[in-house]
Amino acid sequence: MSTGQDNANAYLRTQVMSATPAELRMMLLDGAVKFAKQGRQGLVDKDHEQVYSGFSQARAIITELMTSMKPEAAPELCEQVRSLYAFLFQELVRASMDSDLPRADKAIELLEYEQQTWRLLLEQLKTEEGAGNAPTQQSVPGRTAGYGAPAQDNYTPLSVEG
C-alpha cells in the first residue's frame, strides 16, 4: 500500500471517528450514490464486474442505512424511510440483474434526493449551532431529514448509532 493511500485511509478514519451521527449518515448516502453511479456506468460500458461491484456496494450501504435507524425516536417515520430504502435496494437489484438503465437512473435520482435532504438538514443544524441556538423541533426542516414527522416533545433525530 502506498504512503498516499495510507494518508487517505488515516484521513477517512479521522473523519468517521469525529463525525456526528447525522454526518455519518451523510457519508453513507454519499457512498451509496457514488457506488450506484459506478454500477450504472458499468451498465453503460457493459462491464459486468463494475455493475456487480458498484451496485453491491450501494446495496450494502443501503442495508446499513435501513438497519441503523432508531425506531423509538419516531417509529412511523423510521418505517417510511425503511420502506424507501427497501424499495431502493430492490430497484438496484433489478437494475443490475436486468441491465435496466432507466431503473438504475430512477434509483440514483431517489438516492440523490435523500442525499440532498440530509445535506440541507446538516446545513440547517450548522447554521443553528453557529448562531448559538440548539436545534428545536420547529427549526429543523421536516423535523428529521424532511420526512414530515408530527411534532413530538421528546424529539430525537434518526441516528446511525446502534
Protein backbone atom coordinates (compact mmCIF):
# COMPACT_ATOMS: atom_id res chain seq x y z
CA MET A 1 0.00 0.00 0.00
CA SER A 2 1.39 3.42 -0.89
CA THR A 3 2.02 6.27 1.53
CA GLY A 4 -0.62 8.34 -0.28
CA GLN A 5 -3.16 5.56 0.25
CA ASP A 6 -2.14 5.30 3.92
CA ASN A 7 -2.67 9.05 4.35
CA ALA A 8 -6.08 8.88 2.65
CA ASN A 9 -7.13 5.99 4.88
CA ALA A 10 -5.95 7.84 8.01
CA TYR A 11 -7.87 10.94 6.92
CA LEU A 12 -11.04 8.95 6.29
CA ARG A 13 -10.67 7.15 9.61
CA THR A 14 -10.34 10.52 11.39
CA GLN A 15 -13.40 11.86 9.56
CA VAL A 16 -15.50 8.87 10.57
CA MET A 17 -14.32 8.85 14.17
CA SER A 18 -15.02 12.56 14.68
CA ALA A 19 -18.35 12.72 12.79
CA THR A 20 -21.73 13.17 14.39
CA PRO A 21 -24.39 10.52 13.71
CA ALA A 22 -26.02 12.83 11.14
CA GLU A 23 -22.66 13.37 9.41
CA LEU A 24 -22.04 9.60 9.35
CA ARG A 25 -25.43 9.12 7.70
CA MET A 26 -24.47 11.76 5.14
CA MET A 27 -21.21 9.91 4.42
CA LEU A 28 -23.16 6.69 3.90
CA LEU A 29 -25.55 8.40 1.50
CA ASP A 30 -22.62 9.93 -0.40
CA GLY A 31 -21.12 6.45 -0.72
CA ALA A 32 -24.40 4.89 -1.85
CA VAL A 33 -24.78 7.49 -4.61
CA LYS A 34 -21.15 7.09 -5.67
CA PHE A 35 -21.35 3.30 -5.89
CA ALA A 36 -24.77 3.29 -7.59
CA LYS A 37 -23.35 5.62 -10.24
CA GLN A 38 -20.39 3.27 -10.69
CA GLY A 39 -22.81 0.38 -11.18
CA ARG A 40 -24.78 2.45 -13.67
CA GLN A 41 -21.61 3.27 -15.60
CA GLY A 42 -20.87 -0.44 -15.68
CA LEU A 43 -24.25 -0.97 -17.37
CA VAL A 44 -23.37 1.65 -19.97
CA ASP A 45 -19.91 0.16 -20.56
CA LYS A 46 -21.20 -3.43 -20.40
CA ASP A 47 -18.61 -4.04 -17.67
CA HIS A 48 -20.22 -6.79 -15.59
CA GLU A 49 -17.63 -6.59 -12.83
CA GLN A 50 -18.24 -2.86 -12.40
CA VAL A 51 -22.01 -3.41 -12.43
CA TYR A 52 -21.73 -6.06 -9.74
CA SER A 53 -19.20 -4.18 -7.62
CA GLY A 54 -20.92 -0.79 -7.77
CA PHE A 55 -24.46 -1.99 -7.15
CA SER A 56 -23.36 -4.49 -4.47
CA GLN A 57 -21.57 -1.79 -2.51
CA ALA A 58 -24.52 0.60 -2.89
CA ARG A 59 -26.89 -2.13 -1.62
CA ALA A 60 -24.62 -2.86 1.35
CA ILE A 61 -24.73 0.81 2.33
CA ILE A 62 -28.50 0.94 1.90
CA THR A 63 -28.78 -2.11 4.16
CA GLU A 64 -26.69 -0.30 6.78
CA LEU A 65 -28.90 2.77 6.47
CA MET A 66 -32.02 0.60 6.95
CA THR A 67 -30.74 -1.30 9.95
CA SER A 68 -29.16 1.62 11.79
CA MET A 69 -32.29 3.65 12.44
CA LYS A 70 -33.62 4.04 15.96
CA PRO A 71 -37.37 3.45 15.66
CA GLU A 72 -38.01 4.56 19.25
CA ALA A 73 -37.29 8.14 18.15
CA ALA A 74 -40.06 8.23 15.51
CA PRO A 75 -41.48 4.77 14.68
CA GLU A 76 -43.75 5.82 11.81
CA LEU A 77 -41.06 7.94 10.21
CA CYS A 78 -38.50 5.15 10.51
CA GLU A 79 -40.89 2.69 8.90
CA GLN A 80 -41.48 5.06 5.97
CA VAL A 81 -37.76 5.62 5.47
CA ARG A 82 -37.04 1.90 5.85
CA SER A 83 -39.64 1.23 3.14
CA LEU A 84 -37.92 3.74 0.86
CA TYR A 85 -34.57 2.03 1.43
CA ALA A 86 -36.08 -1.41 0.81
CA PHE A 87 -37.52 -0.11 -2.47
CA LEU A 88 -34.14 1.35 -3.48
CA PHE A 89 -32.44 -1.93 -2.62
CA GLN A 90 -34.88 -3.86 -4.84
CA GLU A 91 -34.53 -1.38 -7.69
CA LEU A 92 -30.74 -1.69 -7.62
CA VAL A 93 -31.04 -5.49 -7.68
CA ARG A 94 -33.41 -5.35 -10.65
CA ALA A 95 -31.30 -2.77 -12.49
CA SER A 96 -28.26 -5.00 -12.06
CA MET A 97 -29.95 -8.29 -12.95
CA ASP A 98 -31.92 -6.92 -15.93
CA SER A 99 -29.27 -4.42 -17.13
CA ASP A 100 -32.03 -1.83 -16.76
CA LEU A 101 -30.52 1.64 -17.17
CA PRO A 102 -33.79 3.59 -16.62
CA ARG A 103 -34.36 1.68 -13.36
CA ALA A 104 -30.81 2.47 -12.23
CA ASP A 105 -31.36 6.13 -13.11
CA LYS A 106 -34.54 6.29 -11.04
CA ALA A 107 -32.85 4.65 -8.04
CA ILE A 108 -29.95 7.09 -8.30
CA GLU A 109 -32.37 10.00 -8.57
CA LEU A 110 -34.10 8.91 -5.35
CA LEU A 111 -30.76 8.39 -3.58
CA GLU A 112 -29.64 11.87 -4.65
CA TYR A 113 -32.90 13.32 -3.31
CA GLU A 114 -32.29 11.61 0.03
CA GLN A 115 -28.69 12.84 -0.05
CA GLN A 116 -29.79 16.43 -0.69
CA THR A 117 -32.36 16.23 2.12
CA TRP A 118 -29.64 15.24 4.60
CA ARG A 119 -27.27 17.89 3.23
CA LEU A 120 -29.92 20.57 3.84
CA LEU A 121 -30.53 19.24 7.35
CA LEU A 122 -26.81 19.36 8.18
CA GLU A 123 -26.55 22.92 6.84
CA GLN A 124 -29.52 23.94 8.98
CA LEU A 125 -28.01 22.33 12.08
CA LYS A 126 -24.64 24.04 11.49
CA THR A 127 -26.34 27.40 10.99
CA GLU A 128 -28.20 27.00 14.26
CA GLU A 129 -25.08 25.87 16.12
CA GLY A 130 -23.16 28.85 14.71
CA ALA A 131 -25.87 31.19 15.95
CA GLY A 132 -25.60 29.63 19.39
CA ASN A 133 -29.05 28.10 19.18
CA ALA A 134 -29.73 24.48 19.89
CA PRO A 135 -31.85 22.90 17.15
CA THR A 136 -35.50 22.73 18.07
CA GLN A 137 -38.40 20.78 16.69
CA GLN A 138 -39.61 23.79 14.75
CA SER A 139 -36.19 24.80 13.40
CA VAL A 140 -35.13 21.53 11.81
CA PRO A 141 -36.54 21.27 8.28
CA GLY A 142 -39.11 18.50 8.13
CA ARG A 143 -38.01 17.58 11.65
CA THR A 144 -35.87 14.58 10.81
CA ALA A 145 -34.46 14.69 7.31
CA GLY A 146 -37.53 16.26 5.76
CA TYR A 147 -39.93 13.36 6.25
CA GLY A 148 -42.65 15.38 7.96
CA ALA A 149 -42.95 13.51 11.25
CA PRO A 150 -45.51 15.01 13.62
CA ALA A 151 -44.06 17.22 16.36
CA GLN A 152 -43.03 15.37 19.48
CA ASP A 153 -41.94 16.80 22.81
CA ASN A 154 -39.07 14.32 23.04
CA TYR A 155 -37.59 14.94 19.60
CA THR A 156 -34.56 12.78 18.79
CA PRO A 157 -33.09 12.72 15.27
CA LEU A 158 -32.57 9.49 13.39
CA SER A 159 -29.14 8.12 14.06
CA VAL A 160 -26.69 5.60 12.72
CA GLU A 161 -25.66 4.66 16.24
CA GLY A 162 -26.54 1.10 17.23
